[in-house]
Amino acid sequence: LCGLPAPFTGHDGQPYLEVHHIVPLKEGGPDDAGNLVALCPNCHRKMHVLGLQADVAKLKKKAASGN
């Protein structure tokens, strides 16, 4: 969402990102790769707290393009 690299690496040395359902499961979103994005922890929390429609649209566009 923010376009920045992961903010830190985990114990395994890999960039730390969190998986987010673009359309939440509780709202009927599918549990498949087309509805999942990797977000930094700050953006992930932002999505759950604010859920701004502009951000949802941005994530849907990114997911559809495969980026």
N, C-alpha and C. Protein backbone atom coordinates (compact mmCIF):
# COMPACT_ATOMS: atom_id res chain seq x y z
N LEU A 1 0.84 -1.20 0.00
CA LEU A 1 0.00 0.00 0.00
C LEU A 1 0.87 1.25 0.00
N CYS A 2 1.89 1.26 0.86
CA CYS A 2 2.74 2.45 0.94
C CYS A 2 3.85 2.43 -0.11
N GLY A 3 4.15 1.25 -0.65
CA GLY A 3 5.18 1.14 -1.68
C GLY A 3 6.60 1.12 -1.15
N LEU A 4 6.76 1.13 0.16
CA LEU A 4 8.09 1.11 0.76
C LEU A 4 8.52 -0.33 1.04
N PRO A 5 9.83 -0.56 1.16
CA PRO A 5 10.29 -1.90 1.52
C PRO A 5 9.79 -2.29 2.92
N ALA A 6 9.81 -3.58 3.19
CA ALA A 6 9.42 -4.05 4.53
C ALA A 6 10.23 -3.30 5.58
N PRO A 7 9.62 -2.95 6.71
CA PRO A 7 10.29 -2.11 7.70
C PRO A 7 11.41 -2.81 8.47
N PHE A 8 11.39 -4.13 8.50
CA PHE A 8 12.44 -4.88 9.19
C PHE A 8 12.42 -6.32 8.71
N THR A 9 13.45 -7.07 9.09
CA THR A 9 13.50 -8.48 8.73
C THR A 9 13.21 -9.31 9.97
N GLY A 10 12.67 -10.50 9.73
CA GLY A 10 12.37 -11.41 10.83
C GLY A 10 13.63 -12.17 11.24
N HIS A 11 13.46 -13.08 12.20
CA HIS A 11 14.58 -13.89 12.68
C HIS A 11 15.18 -14.74 11.56
N ASP A 12 14.39 -15.02 10.54
CA ASP A 12 14.87 -15.82 9.42
C ASP A 12 15.59 -14.98 8.36
N GLY A 13 15.69 -13.67 8.59
CA GLY A 13 16.37 -12.78 7.65
C GLY A 13 15.50 -12.32 6.49
N GLN A 14 14.25 -12.78 6.45
CA GLN A 14 13.34 -12.40 5.37
C GLN A 14 12.58 -11.12 5.74
N PRO A 15 12.26 -10.31 4.73
CA PRO A 15 11.47 -9.09 5.00
C PRO A 15 10.16 -9.46 5.67
N TYR A 16 9.79 -8.69 6.70
CA TYR A 16 8.56 -8.96 7.43
C TYR A 16 7.40 -8.19 6.82
N LEU A 17 6.43 -8.93 6.32
CA LEU A 17 5.19 -8.38 5.80
C LEU A 17 4.04 -9.21 6.35
N GLU A 18 2.85 -8.67 6.31
CA GLU A 18 1.66 -9.38 6.80
C GLU A 18 0.67 -9.56 5.65
N VAL A 19 -0.01 -10.69 5.65
CA VAL A 19 -0.98 -10.99 4.60
C VAL A 19 -2.33 -10.37 4.98
N HIS A 20 -2.96 -9.73 4.01
CA HIS A 20 -4.24 -9.04 4.23
C HIS A 20 -5.23 -9.45 3.16
N HIS A 21 -6.47 -9.74 3.58
CA HIS A 21 -7.56 -9.99 2.63
C HIS A 21 -8.11 -8.63 2.19
N ILE A 22 -8.09 -8.36 0.90
CA ILE A 22 -8.57 -7.07 0.40
C ILE A 22 -10.05 -6.91 0.73
N VAL A 23 -10.86 -7.89 0.36
CA VAL A 23 -12.26 -7.93 0.77
C VAL A 23 -12.31 -8.93 1.93
N PRO A 24 -12.61 -8.47 3.14
CA PRO A 24 -12.58 -9.36 4.30
C PRO A 24 -13.46 -10.61 4.12
N LEU A 25 -13.00 -11.70 4.71
CA LEU A 25 -13.77 -12.94 4.66
C LEU A 25 -15.17 -12.74 5.21
N LYS A 26 -15.28 -11.97 6.29
CA LYS A 26 -16.59 -11.75 6.91
C LYS A 26 -17.55 -10.97 6.02
N GLU A 27 -16.99 -10.33 4.97
CA GLU A 27 -17.82 -9.60 4.01
C GLU A 27 -17.99 -10.39 2.71
N GLY A 28 -17.63 -11.67 2.76
CA GLY A 28 -17.80 -12.54 1.60
C GLY A 28 -16.62 -12.60 0.65
N GLY A 29 -15.50 -12.01 1.05
CA GLY A 29 -14.31 -12.07 0.21
C GLY A 29 -13.76 -13.49 0.15
N PRO A 30 -13.21 -13.86 -0.99
CA PRO A 30 -12.66 -15.21 -1.13
C PRO A 30 -11.32 -15.36 -0.40
N ASP A 31 -11.02 -16.59 0.00
CA ASP A 31 -9.75 -16.88 0.65
C ASP A 31 -8.82 -17.46 -0.41
N ASP A 32 -8.49 -16.63 -1.40
CA ASP A 32 -7.60 -17.09 -2.47
C ASP A 32 -6.60 -15.98 -2.82
N ALA A 33 -5.60 -16.35 -3.61
CA ALA A 33 -4.50 -15.43 -3.92
C ALA A 33 -4.95 -14.11 -4.54
N GLY A 34 -6.03 -14.12 -5.29
CA GLY A 34 -6.51 -12.89 -5.92
C GLY A 34 -7.07 -11.87 -4.95
N ASN A 35 -7.32 -12.30 -3.71
CA ASN A 35 -7.87 -11.41 -2.69
C ASN A 35 -6.86 -11.16 -1.57
N LEU A 36 -5.61 -11.54 -1.79
CA LEU A 36 -4.58 -11.39 -0.76
C LEU A 36 -3.48 -10.46 -1.23
N VAL A 37 -2.99 -9.64 -0.32
CA VAL A 37 -1.84 -8.78 -0.58
C VAL A 37 -0.92 -8.82 0.64
N ALA A 38 0.36 -8.56 0.41
CA ALA A 38 1.32 -8.46 1.51
C ALA A 38 1.50 -6.99 1.84
N LEU A 39 1.30 -6.66 3.10
CA LEU A 39 1.41 -5.27 3.55
C LEU A 39 2.41 -5.16 4.69
N CYS A 40 3.03 -3.99 4.81
CA CYS A 40 3.85 -3.73 5.99
C CYS A 40 2.91 -3.68 7.19
N PRO A 41 3.41 -3.91 8.39
CA PRO A 41 2.54 -3.91 9.57
C PRO A 41 1.74 -2.62 9.75
N ASN A 42 2.34 -1.48 9.43
CA ASN A 42 1.61 -0.21 9.59
C ASN A 42 0.44 -0.11 8.62
N CYS A 43 0.67 -0.48 7.36
CA CYS A 43 -0.41 -0.42 6.37
C CYS A 43 -1.48 -1.45 6.69
N HIS A 44 -1.08 -2.61 7.19
CA HIS A 44 -2.05 -3.63 7.55
C HIS A 44 -2.98 -3.11 8.65
N ARG A 45 -2.41 -2.51 9.66
CA ARG A 45 -3.23 -1.96 10.74
C ARG A 45 -4.11 -0.84 10.22
N LYS A 46 -3.55 0.01 9.34
CA LYS A 46 -4.33 1.11 8.76
C LYS A 46 -5.57 0.58 8.07
N MET A 47 -5.41 -0.51 7.32
CA MET A 47 -6.55 -1.09 6.61
C MET A 47 -7.62 -1.56 7.59
N HIS A 48 -7.22 -2.16 8.69
CA HIS A 48 -8.20 -2.66 9.65
C HIS A 48 -8.84 -1.55 10.48
N VAL A 49 -8.10 -0.48 10.73
CA VAL A 49 -8.64 0.61 11.55
C VAL A 49 -9.47 1.58 10.70
N LEU A 50 -8.93 1.97 9.55
CA LEU A 50 -9.60 2.99 8.74
C LEU A 50 -10.39 2.40 7.57
N GLY A 51 -9.84 1.40 6.90
CA GLY A 51 -10.52 0.78 5.77
C GLY A 51 -10.96 1.77 4.70
N LEU A 52 -10.08 2.71 4.38
CA LEU A 52 -10.42 3.74 3.40
C LEU A 52 -10.68 3.12 2.03
N GLN A 53 -11.77 3.52 1.39
CA GLN A 53 -12.14 2.96 0.10
C GLN A 53 -11.08 3.24 -0.96
N ALA A 54 -10.40 4.37 -0.88
CA ALA A 54 -9.33 4.67 -1.84
C ALA A 54 -8.19 3.65 -1.70
N ASP A 55 -7.89 3.25 -0.47
CA ASP A 55 -6.85 2.25 -0.24
C ASP A 55 -7.30 0.87 -0.73
N VAL A 56 -8.56 0.53 -0.49
CA VAL A 56 -9.10 -0.75 -0.96
C VAL A 56 -9.00 -0.80 -2.48
N ALA A 57 -9.38 0.29 -3.15
CA ALA A 57 -9.32 0.33 -4.61
C ALA A 57 -7.88 0.19 -5.10
N LYS A 58 -6.95 0.83 -4.43
CA LYS A 58 -5.54 0.74 -4.80
C LYS A 58 -5.05 -0.70 -4.68
N LEU A 59 -5.42 -1.39 -3.59
CA LEU A 59 -5.01 -2.77 -3.41
C LEU A 59 -5.64 -3.70 -4.43
N LYS A 60 -6.91 -3.47 -4.75
CA LYS A 60 -7.57 -4.28 -5.78
C LYS A 60 -6.87 -4.12 -7.13
N LYS A 61 -6.51 -2.89 -7.46
CA LYS A 61 -5.82 -2.62 -8.72
C LYS A 61 -4.47 -3.31 -8.75
N LYS A 62 -3.72 -3.22 -7.64
CA LYS A 62 -2.40 -3.88 -7.57
C LYS A 62 -2.55 -5.39 -7.69
N ALA A 63 -3.53 -5.96 -7.00
CA ALA A 63 -3.74 -7.41 -7.03
C ALA A 63 -4.11 -7.87 -8.44
N ALA A 64 -4.92 -7.08 -9.12
CA ALA A 64 -5.36 -7.45 -10.48
C ALA A 64 -4.21 -7.39 -11.47
N SER A 65 -3.26 -6.48 -11.22
CA SER A 65 -2.13 -6.34 -12.15
C SER A 65 -1.00 -7.31 -11.83
N GLY A 66 -1.09 -7.96 -10.67
CA GLY A 66 -0.05 -8.90 -10.27
C GLY A 66 1.20 -8.26 -9.71
N ASN A 67 1.15 -6.98 -9.38
CA ASN A 67 2.31 -6.28 -8.81
C ASN A 67 2.27 -6.27 -7.32
